[in-house]
Amino acid sequence: MLSERQTALSSNLQYTQYRGCRCCQLMLQENKRIRAKIPTVLEPLMIIHVERLDRAIEPGLNAVNWMSVNAEKYIVDVRAAFQEFELLVDRVTDLITYRINATLTEMSDTLLVELPAHEPWTVNRFVERTRVGYTHRMYFPSIPLPLQCGVVA
């Protein structure tokens, strides 16, 4: 669908001698650049927002002639839609990168139990080493130490 719209916008470009030609080329490039920023994982979630962007571009494909009186308003509207969409993509990407992935990385780096390196431990040895490890490292400062060690009062 995007390629059809870009093709239609490109063909509209060929029929004009107006300065909007360069603007149309820049809009195509901007559209392509912003859509390339969408992470693959988020594409299904961004469909509604991509459709909103398509609706903003739509008048340039069908109704707005670059000689039209409302061509400038169309350009302003499309630029605003690009800015809004890019801000959304940047915020969602930052949220995933710096909040979700950072938290998952931190969780995966957290040592919950110490495992034997060379020989198996008995259950009692494992429990003793786990208690000692939590006492010295205190991985979860928000949880009382007895609960971290599995001790119930």
N, C-alpha and C. Protein backbone atom coordinates (compact mmCIF):
# COMPACT_ATOMS: atom_id res chain seq x y z
N MET A 1 0.82 -1.17 0.00
CA MET A 1 0.00 0.00 0.00
C MET A 1 0.87 1.25 0.00
N LEU A 2 1.96 1.20 0.78
CA LEU A 2 2.88 2.33 0.82
C LEU A 2 3.52 2.56 -0.53
N SER A 3 3.91 1.48 -1.21
CA SER A 3 4.56 1.62 -2.51
C SER A 3 3.59 2.19 -3.55
N GLU A 4 2.31 1.81 -3.45
CA GLU A 4 1.31 2.37 -4.38
C GLU A 4 1.16 3.87 -4.17
N ARG A 5 1.13 4.26 -2.92
CA ARG A 5 0.99 5.69 -2.61
C ARG A 5 2.22 6.46 -3.04
N GLN A 6 3.38 5.88 -2.82
CA GLN A 6 4.60 6.56 -3.24
C GLN A 6 4.66 6.64 -4.76
N THR A 7 4.18 5.61 -5.44
CA THR A 7 4.14 5.63 -6.89
C THR A 7 3.19 6.72 -7.38
N ALA A 8 2.02 6.81 -6.76
CA ALA A 8 1.07 7.85 -7.14
C ALA A 8 1.63 9.23 -6.87
N LEU A 9 2.29 9.39 -5.73
CA LEU A 9 2.89 10.68 -5.40
C LEU A 9 4.03 10.99 -6.37
N SER A 10 4.78 9.98 -6.75
CA SER A 10 5.87 10.17 -7.71
C SER A 10 5.33 10.56 -9.09
N SER A 11 4.22 9.95 -9.51
CA SER A 11 3.65 10.29 -10.81
C SER A 11 3.09 11.71 -10.80
N ASN A 12 2.54 12.12 -9.68
CA ASN A 12 2.07 13.50 -9.54
C ASN A 12 3.25 14.45 -9.66
N LEU A 13 4.39 14.00 -9.18
CA LEU A 13 5.61 14.78 -9.25
C LEU A 13 6.02 15.06 -10.71
N GLN A 14 5.84 14.09 -11.56
CA GLN A 14 6.27 14.21 -12.95
C GLN A 14 5.44 15.23 -13.73
N TYR A 15 4.23 15.50 -13.30
CA TYR A 15 3.33 16.38 -14.05
C TYR A 15 3.41 17.84 -13.62
N THR A 16 4.26 18.14 -12.71
CA THR A 16 4.27 19.50 -12.21
C THR A 16 5.56 20.24 -12.54
N GLN A 17 5.44 21.52 -12.72
CA GLN A 17 6.61 22.36 -12.95
C GLN A 17 6.75 23.36 -11.80
N TYR A 18 5.95 23.18 -10.81
CA TYR A 18 5.86 24.10 -9.68
C TYR A 18 6.95 23.80 -8.66
N ARG A 19 7.27 24.73 -7.80
CA ARG A 19 8.29 24.52 -6.79
C ARG A 19 7.92 23.42 -5.80
N GLY A 20 6.66 23.04 -5.79
CA GLY A 20 6.21 21.94 -4.93
C GLY A 20 6.86 20.63 -5.30
N CYS A 21 7.44 20.55 -6.46
CA CYS A 21 8.11 19.34 -6.91
C CYS A 21 9.20 18.94 -5.93
N ARG A 22 10.04 19.88 -5.58
CA ARG A 22 11.13 19.59 -4.63
C ARG A 22 10.55 19.25 -3.26
N CYS A 23 9.51 19.94 -2.88
CA CYS A 23 8.86 19.68 -1.60
C CYS A 23 8.27 18.26 -1.58
N CYS A 24 7.69 17.85 -2.68
CA CYS A 24 7.12 16.52 -2.79
C CYS A 24 8.21 15.45 -2.65
N GLN A 25 9.34 15.68 -3.27
CA GLN A 25 10.46 14.74 -3.16
C GLN A 25 10.93 14.65 -1.70
N LEU A 26 11.03 15.78 -1.05
CA LEU A 26 11.45 15.78 0.35
C LEU A 26 10.44 15.07 1.24
N MET A 27 9.16 15.24 0.93
CA MET A 27 8.13 14.55 1.71
C MET A 27 8.22 13.04 1.53
N LEU A 28 8.50 12.60 0.31
CA LEU A 28 8.68 11.16 0.07
C LEU A 28 9.87 10.62 0.87
N GLN A 29 10.96 11.36 0.85
CA GLN A 29 12.15 10.94 1.58
C GLN A 29 11.89 10.91 3.09
N GLU A 30 11.20 11.93 3.57
CA GLU A 30 10.88 12.01 4.99
C GLU A 30 9.96 10.86 5.40
N ASN A 31 8.98 10.56 4.58
CA ASN A 31 8.07 9.45 4.84
C ASN A 31 8.84 8.13 4.94
N LYS A 32 9.71 7.92 4.00
CA LYS A 32 10.50 6.69 3.98
C LYS A 32 11.42 6.61 5.20
N ARG A 33 12.06 7.72 5.55
CA ARG A 33 12.98 7.77 6.68
C ARG A 33 12.26 7.47 8.00
N ILE A 34 11.12 8.09 8.19
CA ILE A 34 10.39 7.91 9.45
C ILE A 34 9.86 6.49 9.56
N ARG A 35 9.33 5.95 8.49
CA ARG A 35 8.80 4.57 8.54
C ARG A 35 9.91 3.55 8.76
N ALA A 36 11.11 3.85 8.31
CA ALA A 36 12.24 2.94 8.52
C ALA A 36 12.65 2.89 9.99
N LYS A 37 12.28 3.89 10.76
CA LYS A 37 12.62 3.94 12.18
C LYS A 37 11.75 3.02 13.03
N ILE A 38 10.65 2.54 12.48
CA ILE A 38 9.73 1.69 13.26
C ILE A 38 10.39 0.33 13.47
N PRO A 39 10.59 -0.08 14.73
CA PRO A 39 11.15 -1.41 14.98
C PRO A 39 10.19 -2.49 14.45
N THR A 40 10.74 -3.54 13.90
CA THR A 40 9.96 -4.62 13.33
C THR A 40 8.96 -5.18 14.33
N VAL A 41 9.36 -5.27 15.57
CA VAL A 41 8.50 -5.81 16.63
C VAL A 41 7.25 -4.96 16.81
N LEU A 42 7.36 -3.67 16.54
CA LEU A 42 6.25 -2.76 16.80
C LEU A 42 5.35 -2.51 15.59
N GLU A 43 5.70 -3.03 14.44
CA GLU A 43 4.92 -2.75 13.23
C GLU A 43 3.43 -3.07 13.40
N PRO A 44 3.07 -4.22 13.96
CA PRO A 44 1.62 -4.48 14.13
C PRO A 44 0.93 -3.47 15.05
N LEU A 45 1.64 -2.98 16.04
CA LEU A 45 1.05 -2.03 16.98
C LEU A 45 0.95 -0.62 16.39
N MET A 46 1.74 -0.35 15.38
CA MET A 46 1.79 1.00 14.81
C MET A 46 0.84 1.17 13.61
N ILE A 47 0.10 0.14 13.26
CA ILE A 47 -0.77 0.19 12.07
C ILE A 47 -1.72 1.38 12.12
N ILE A 48 -2.35 1.61 13.25
CA ILE A 48 -3.31 2.71 13.36
C ILE A 48 -2.63 4.04 13.11
N HIS A 49 -1.44 4.21 13.65
CA HIS A 49 -0.72 5.47 13.49
C HIS A 49 -0.19 5.64 12.07
N VAL A 50 0.21 4.54 11.45
CA VAL A 50 0.65 4.60 10.05
C VAL A 50 -0.53 4.98 9.15
N GLU A 51 -1.71 4.44 9.45
CA GLU A 51 -2.90 4.79 8.67
C GLU A 51 -3.25 6.26 8.84
N ARG A 52 -3.06 6.79 10.03
CA ARG A 52 -3.31 8.22 10.26
C ARG A 52 -2.33 9.06 9.42
N LEU A 53 -1.09 8.62 9.35
CA LEU A 53 -0.11 9.31 8.51
C LEU A 53 -0.51 9.21 7.04
N ASP A 54 -0.96 8.05 6.63
CA ASP A 54 -1.42 7.87 5.25
C ASP A 54 -2.59 8.80 4.92
N ARG A 55 -3.51 8.97 5.89
CA ARG A 55 -4.65 9.87 5.66
C ARG A 55 -4.18 11.32 5.50
N ALA A 56 -3.12 11.69 6.18
CA ALA A 56 -2.59 13.04 6.04
C ALA A 56 -1.96 13.24 4.66
N ILE A 57 -1.36 12.18 4.12
CA ILE A 57 -0.71 12.25 2.81
C ILE A 57 -1.72 12.14 1.68
N GLU A 58 -2.82 11.45 1.92
CA GLU A 58 -3.82 11.13 0.91
C GLU A 58 -4.26 12.31 0.02
N PRO A 59 -4.56 13.49 0.54
CA PRO A 59 -5.00 14.58 -0.34
C PRO A 59 -3.98 14.93 -1.43
N GLY A 60 -2.71 14.75 -1.16
CA GLY A 60 -1.69 15.02 -2.17
C GLY A 60 -1.71 14.02 -3.31
N LEU A 61 -2.32 12.87 -3.07
CA LEU A 61 -2.40 11.85 -4.11
C LEU A 61 -3.63 12.04 -4.99
N ASN A 62 -4.67 12.62 -4.42
CA ASN A 62 -5.95 12.69 -5.13
C ASN A 62 -6.43 14.10 -5.43
N ALA A 63 -6.46 14.95 -4.43
CA ALA A 63 -7.17 16.21 -4.57
C ALA A 63 -6.28 17.43 -4.73
N VAL A 64 -5.16 17.47 -4.04
CA VAL A 64 -4.35 18.69 -4.06
C VAL A 64 -3.45 18.69 -5.30
N ASN A 65 -3.59 19.74 -6.05
CA ASN A 65 -2.70 19.99 -7.17
C ASN A 65 -1.67 20.98 -6.66
N TRP A 66 -0.47 20.87 -7.11
CA TRP A 66 0.57 21.74 -6.57
C TRP A 66 0.35 23.20 -6.97
N MET A 67 -0.60 23.43 -7.84
CA MET A 67 -0.96 24.80 -8.20
C MET A 67 -2.17 25.26 -7.39
N SER A 68 -2.72 24.39 -6.56
CA SER A 68 -3.91 24.70 -5.77
C SER A 68 -3.60 25.75 -4.71
N VAL A 69 -4.66 26.42 -4.32
CA VAL A 69 -4.54 27.44 -3.29
C VAL A 69 -4.20 26.80 -1.94
N ASN A 70 -4.72 25.61 -1.71
CA ASN A 70 -4.51 24.96 -0.41
C ASN A 70 -3.28 24.04 -0.38
N ALA A 71 -2.38 24.17 -1.34
CA ALA A 71 -1.18 23.33 -1.36
C ALA A 71 -0.29 23.62 -0.16
N GLU A 72 -0.15 24.88 0.21
CA GLU A 72 0.70 25.23 1.36
C GLU A 72 0.13 24.64 2.65
N LYS A 73 -1.18 24.69 2.81
CA LYS A 73 -1.81 24.10 4.00
C LYS A 73 -1.58 22.60 4.03
N TYR A 74 -1.66 21.97 2.88
CA TYR A 74 -1.41 20.53 2.79
C TYR A 74 0.02 20.22 3.25
N ILE A 75 0.97 20.98 2.78
CA ILE A 75 2.38 20.76 3.14
C ILE A 75 2.56 20.92 4.64
N VAL A 76 1.97 21.95 5.20
CA VAL A 76 2.07 22.19 6.65
C VAL A 76 1.44 21.03 7.42
N ASP A 77 0.29 20.57 6.98
CA ASP A 77 -0.40 19.46 7.65
C ASP A 77 0.41 18.17 7.60
N VAL A 78 1.00 17.89 6.45
CA VAL A 78 1.80 16.67 6.31
C VAL A 78 3.05 16.75 7.17
N ARG A 79 3.69 17.90 7.18
CA ARG A 79 4.87 18.05 8.04
C ARG A 79 4.52 17.86 9.51
N ALA A 80 3.38 18.40 9.92
CA ALA A 80 2.94 18.22 11.31
C ALA A 80 2.67 16.74 11.60
N ALA A 81 2.06 16.04 10.65
CA ALA A 81 1.80 14.60 10.82
C ALA A 81 3.11 13.82 10.92
N PHE A 82 4.10 14.20 10.09
CA PHE A 82 5.42 13.56 10.16
C PHE A 82 6.05 13.78 11.53
N GLN A 83 6.00 15.01 12.02
CA GLN A 83 6.61 15.32 13.31
C GLN A 83 5.94 14.56 14.44
N GLU A 84 4.63 14.51 14.41
CA GLU A 84 3.88 13.79 15.43
C GLU A 84 4.19 12.30 15.40
N PHE A 85 4.23 11.73 14.21
CA PHE A 85 4.50 10.30 14.07
C PHE A 85 5.94 9.97 14.48
N GLU A 86 6.88 10.81 14.09
CA GLU A 86 8.28 10.56 14.45
C GLU A 86 8.47 10.66 15.97
N LEU A 87 7.82 11.62 16.59
CA LEU A 87 7.89 11.74 18.04
C LEU A 87 7.36 10.48 18.71
N LEU A 88 6.25 9.97 18.22
CA LEU A 88 5.68 8.74 18.76
C LEU A 88 6.65 7.57 18.61
N VAL A 89 7.21 7.41 17.42
CA VAL A 89 8.15 6.30 17.18
C VAL A 89 9.37 6.43 18.08
N ASP A 90 9.90 7.65 18.21
CA ASP A 90 11.07 7.86 19.07
C ASP A 90 10.76 7.55 20.52
N ARG A 91 9.61 7.98 21.00
CA ARG A 91 9.25 7.73 22.40
C ARG A 91 9.05 6.24 22.68
N VAL A 92 8.39 5.56 21.76
CA VAL A 92 8.16 4.11 21.95
C VAL A 92 9.48 3.36 21.89
N THR A 93 10.33 3.73 20.97
CA THR A 93 11.64 3.08 20.85
C THR A 93 12.48 3.32 22.10
N ASP A 94 12.47 4.55 22.61
CA ASP A 94 13.19 4.85 23.84
C ASP A 94 12.63 4.07 25.02
N LEU A 95 11.33 3.96 25.09
CA LEU A 95 10.69 3.21 26.16
C LEU A 95 11.15 1.75 26.14
N ILE A 96 11.17 1.17 24.97
CA ILE A 96 11.60 -0.22 24.84
C ILE A 96 13.08 -0.35 25.20
N THR A 97 13.89 0.54 24.66
CA THR A 97 15.34 0.45 24.86
C THR A 97 15.75 0.71 26.30
N TYR A 98 15.30 1.82 26.85
CA TYR A 98 15.83 2.26 28.13
C TYR A 98 15.03 1.81 29.35
N ARG A 99 13.81 1.38 29.16
CA ARG A 99 13.04 0.91 30.31
C ARG A 99 12.87 -0.60 30.28
N ILE A 100 12.30 -1.09 29.21
CA ILE A 100 11.98 -2.53 29.17
C ILE A 100 13.25 -3.36 29.00
N ASN A 101 14.03 -3.09 27.96
CA ASN A 101 15.22 -3.90 27.71
C ASN A 101 16.26 -3.72 28.82
N ALA A 102 16.40 -2.50 29.34
CA ALA A 102 17.36 -2.27 30.42
C ALA A 102 16.95 -3.06 31.66
N THR A 103 15.67 -3.07 31.97
CA THR A 103 15.19 -3.82 33.13
C THR A 103 15.38 -5.32 32.92
N LEU A 104 15.08 -5.81 31.73
CA LEU A 104 15.27 -7.23 31.45
C LEU A 104 16.75 -7.62 31.51
N THR A 105 17.61 -6.75 31.02
CA THR A 105 19.06 -7.01 31.08
C THR A 105 19.53 -7.06 32.52
N GLU A 106 19.07 -6.10 33.32
CA GLU A 106 19.44 -6.07 34.74
C GLU A 106 18.94 -7.32 35.45
N MET A 107 17.72 -7.74 35.13
CA MET A 107 17.19 -8.95 35.75
C MET A 107 17.99 -10.18 35.34
N SER A 108 18.39 -10.24 34.08
CA SER A 108 19.14 -11.41 33.62
C SER A 108 20.55 -11.45 34.19
N ASP A 109 21.08 -10.29 34.59
CA ASP A 109 22.41 -10.23 35.19
C ASP A 109 22.40 -10.48 36.69
N THR A 110 21.22 -10.56 37.29
CA THR A 110 21.10 -10.76 38.73
C THR A 110 21.35 -12.22 39.07
N LEU A 111 22.28 -12.41 39.97
CA LEU A 111 22.61 -13.76 40.42
C LEU A 111 21.66 -14.12 41.56
N LEU A 112 20.79 -15.07 41.33
CA LEU A 112 19.82 -15.47 42.35
C LEU A 112 20.38 -16.55 43.27
N VAL A 113 21.10 -17.48 42.71
CA VAL A 113 21.72 -18.53 43.51
C VAL A 113 23.11 -18.80 42.97
N GLU A 114 23.96 -19.26 43.87
CA GLU A 114 25.31 -19.65 43.48
C GLU A 114 25.29 -21.15 43.17
N LEU A 115 25.80 -21.51 42.03
CA LEU A 115 25.82 -22.91 41.64
C LEU A 115 27.24 -23.46 41.77
N PRO A 116 27.36 -24.74 42.07
CA PRO A 116 28.70 -25.33 42.22
C PRO A 116 29.44 -25.32 40.88
N ALA A 117 30.75 -25.11 40.96
CA ALA A 117 31.54 -25.04 39.75
C ALA A 117 31.97 -26.42 39.26
N HIS A 118 32.38 -27.28 40.20
CA HIS A 118 32.97 -28.55 39.76
C HIS A 118 32.27 -29.79 40.30
N GLU A 119 31.80 -29.74 41.51
CA GLU A 119 31.18 -30.93 42.10
C GLU A 119 29.79 -30.60 42.64
N PRO A 120 28.91 -31.55 42.65
CA PRO A 120 27.55 -31.28 43.15
C PRO A 120 27.55 -31.04 44.66
N TRP A 121 26.57 -30.23 45.09
CA TRP A 121 26.40 -29.94 46.51
C TRP A 121 25.21 -30.74 47.05
N THR A 122 25.26 -30.94 48.33
CA THR A 122 24.08 -31.51 48.99
C THR A 122 23.06 -30.39 49.13
N VAL A 123 21.84 -30.77 49.47
CA VAL A 123 20.78 -29.78 49.64
C VAL A 123 21.13 -28.82 50.77
N ASN A 124 21.65 -29.36 51.87
CA ASN A 124 22.01 -28.50 53.01
C ASN A 124 23.11 -27.52 52.63
N ARG A 125 24.09 -27.97 51.89
CA ARG A 125 25.19 -27.09 51.45
C ARG A 125 24.63 -26.00 50.52
N PHE A 126 23.75 -26.38 49.64
CA PHE A 126 23.13 -25.40 48.73
C PHE A 126 22.37 -24.32 49.50
N VAL A 127 21.56 -24.72 50.47
CA VAL A 127 20.79 -23.77 51.28
C VAL A 127 21.75 -22.88 52.06
N GLU A 128 22.79 -23.45 52.64
CA GLU A 128 23.77 -22.66 53.41
C GLU A 128 24.46 -21.63 52.52
N ARG A 129 24.91 -22.04 51.34
CA ARG A 129 25.60 -21.12 50.43
C ARG A 129 24.65 -20.03 49.90
N THR A 130 23.39 -20.39 49.70
CA THR A 130 22.40 -19.42 49.24
C THR A 130 22.17 -18.36 50.31
N ARG A 131 22.03 -18.78 51.56
CA ARG A 131 21.84 -17.82 52.66
C ARG A 131 23.04 -16.90 52.80
N VAL A 132 24.22 -17.45 52.74
CA VAL A 132 25.44 -16.65 52.86
C VAL A 132 25.53 -15.67 51.70
N GLY A 133 25.22 -16.12 50.51
CA GLY A 133 25.28 -15.24 49.33
C GLY A 133 24.34 -14.07 49.45
N TYR A 134 23.12 -14.31 49.92
CA TYR A 134 22.15 -13.21 50.08
C TYR A 134 22.55 -12.27 51.19
N THR A 135 23.12 -12.81 52.24
CA THR A 135 23.54 -11.97 53.36
C THR A 135 24.64 -11.01 52.92
N HIS A 136 25.57 -11.48 52.11
CA HIS A 136 26.69 -10.64 51.69
C HIS A 136 26.35 -9.72 50.53
N ARG A 137 25.50 -10.14 49.64
CA ARG A 137 25.25 -9.35 48.43
C ARG A 137 23.98 -8.51 48.52
N MET A 138 22.98 -8.96 49.24
CA MET A 138 21.70 -8.25 49.36
C MET A 138 21.20 -7.78 48.00
N TYR A 139 20.74 -8.68 47.19
CA TYR A 139 20.30 -8.36 45.84
C TYR A 139 19.02 -7.54 45.81
N PHE A 140 18.16 -7.74 46.77
CA PHE A 140 16.86 -7.08 46.75
C PHE A 140 16.73 -6.21 48.00
N PRO A 141 17.27 -5.00 47.98
CA PRO A 141 17.24 -4.16 49.18
C PRO A 141 15.83 -3.80 49.63
N SER A 142 14.84 -3.85 48.76
CA SER A 142 13.49 -3.49 49.15
C SER A 142 12.77 -4.63 49.88
N ILE A 143 13.32 -5.84 49.81
CA ILE A 143 12.72 -7.00 50.47
C ILE A 143 13.53 -7.29 51.74
N PRO A 144 12.87 -7.48 52.88
CA PRO A 144 13.61 -7.78 54.12
C PRO A 144 14.51 -9.00 53.93
N LEU A 145 15.70 -8.93 54.55
CA LEU A 145 16.70 -9.99 54.38
C LEU A 145 16.19 -11.38 54.75
N PRO A 146 15.43 -11.55 55.85
CA PRO A 146 14.94 -12.90 56.17
C PRO A 146 14.08 -13.50 55.04
N LEU A 147 13.28 -12.65 54.38
CA LEU A 147 12.48 -13.17 53.28
C LEU A 147 13.35 -13.52 52.09
N GLN A 148 14.41 -12.75 51.87
CA GLN A 148 15.32 -13.06 50.77
C GLN A 148 15.97 -14.43 50.99
N CYS A 149 16.29 -14.74 52.24
CA CYS A 149 16.97 -15.99 52.55
C CYS A 149 16.02 -17.16 52.73
N GLY A 150 14.72 -16.90 52.64
CA GLY A 150 13.76 -17.97 52.79
C GLY A 150 13.43 -18.28 54.24
N VAL A 151 13.80 -17.41 55.16
CA VAL A 151 13.53 -17.63 56.58
C VAL A 151 12.22 -16.98 56.93
N VAL A 152 11.31 -17.73 57.47
CA VAL A 152 10.01 -17.20 57.88
C VAL A 152 9.98 -17.18 59.41
N ALA A 153 9.65 -16.04 59.97
CA ALA A 153 9.67 -15.89 61.44
C ALA A 153 8.49 -16.55 62.08
